[in-house]
Amino acid sequence: MNEFFLMERVKELRRELYNKELKQDEIDKIVTEISPFKNILGLNDGAEPLLMVDKDGESLNIEAPRWIFHLLGLKHKAVHLLLYSRNDVNDPVFILQVRSFTKFEYPGHLDMSVGGHVIGNESSHTTVLKEMEEELGIQIGHLLNSNFYHINSYMIEDIKPEINLYNCERRDLYIAEIDSKSIGSINFKDNEVAGLYLCPLSSVKDLLDHTALPLTHALKESLPKCLNFLTILMLVPWNESVSLTDVGAIIVSIWRNIPYSALIS
């Protein structure tokens, strides 16, 4: 199959599979059909098994390699974690990662602190812990109160035809505070991260509004959602006798309707 007819076949599959209820044997046949042409399509993407999900993130128990999900726009799950720290005057600083310059997607771009795909039947909670340790070399004990908090989930499409990326994922979004002393424990174990970028709250709006630094689609979409939650958290009075989960439940019920621009203006 030459490249022209191969691309026409891929486009046909994207149209056919969009929002279609698939069976495992159907996706297996497609993987078998397309696999010999992976190099022609320029797919320098992973083969770890992902599960298809519906628009609400519920598993459909259909498995396929990561590259076929990204080629055909099949829905799957991913996680994002935003880490922040506070200095002596209580100003939050966001800890963003610089992606490796060899990454298939968004090489050298600023990204969320931690991110990754949910593999197989792994839970999002487990995925966050695993990716945090793999990408930044830190564990849950490095986080304030050894805790991170799930604040939102949303479905997104990120399409980049020039690299045959049709990414359709349900993102589970988390936030956590890391003690400033623990930042020194960060190390880049798996070479997926090239460095860190520390962004104070006062500079976040400029970071998102300007194009001087390359930002991933994930950062543009997820950071404002985290910022809404964090800003309201700092405005809501609470003490150590009230858990972050209790406060978070109140905040989550109101934060969705407040634009981040209003909070940092």
Foldseek 3Di string as FASTA:
>chain_A
DDPVVLVVVLVVLLVVPVPDDDDQVVVVVVCVVCVVCCVVLQQPDWFFKFFAAPQVQHGPPHIGGPSSCFLNVGETAKEAEWEWEADPVGWIKTKWFQFDQPDLPPHRATEHNWMDGQGDPRDNVVVRQVRCCQAWVDGLVQFVVSDKDFQDKGWDWDDDVVSSTTYIYIYTYIYTYGYPVCSVVTDGHNSRTDGIDIGTPLCPVVVLPDDPGHHHPNCNPHVFSVLLQVLVLVVDDDDPVDDPVNVSVVSSVPSVPDGSVVSND
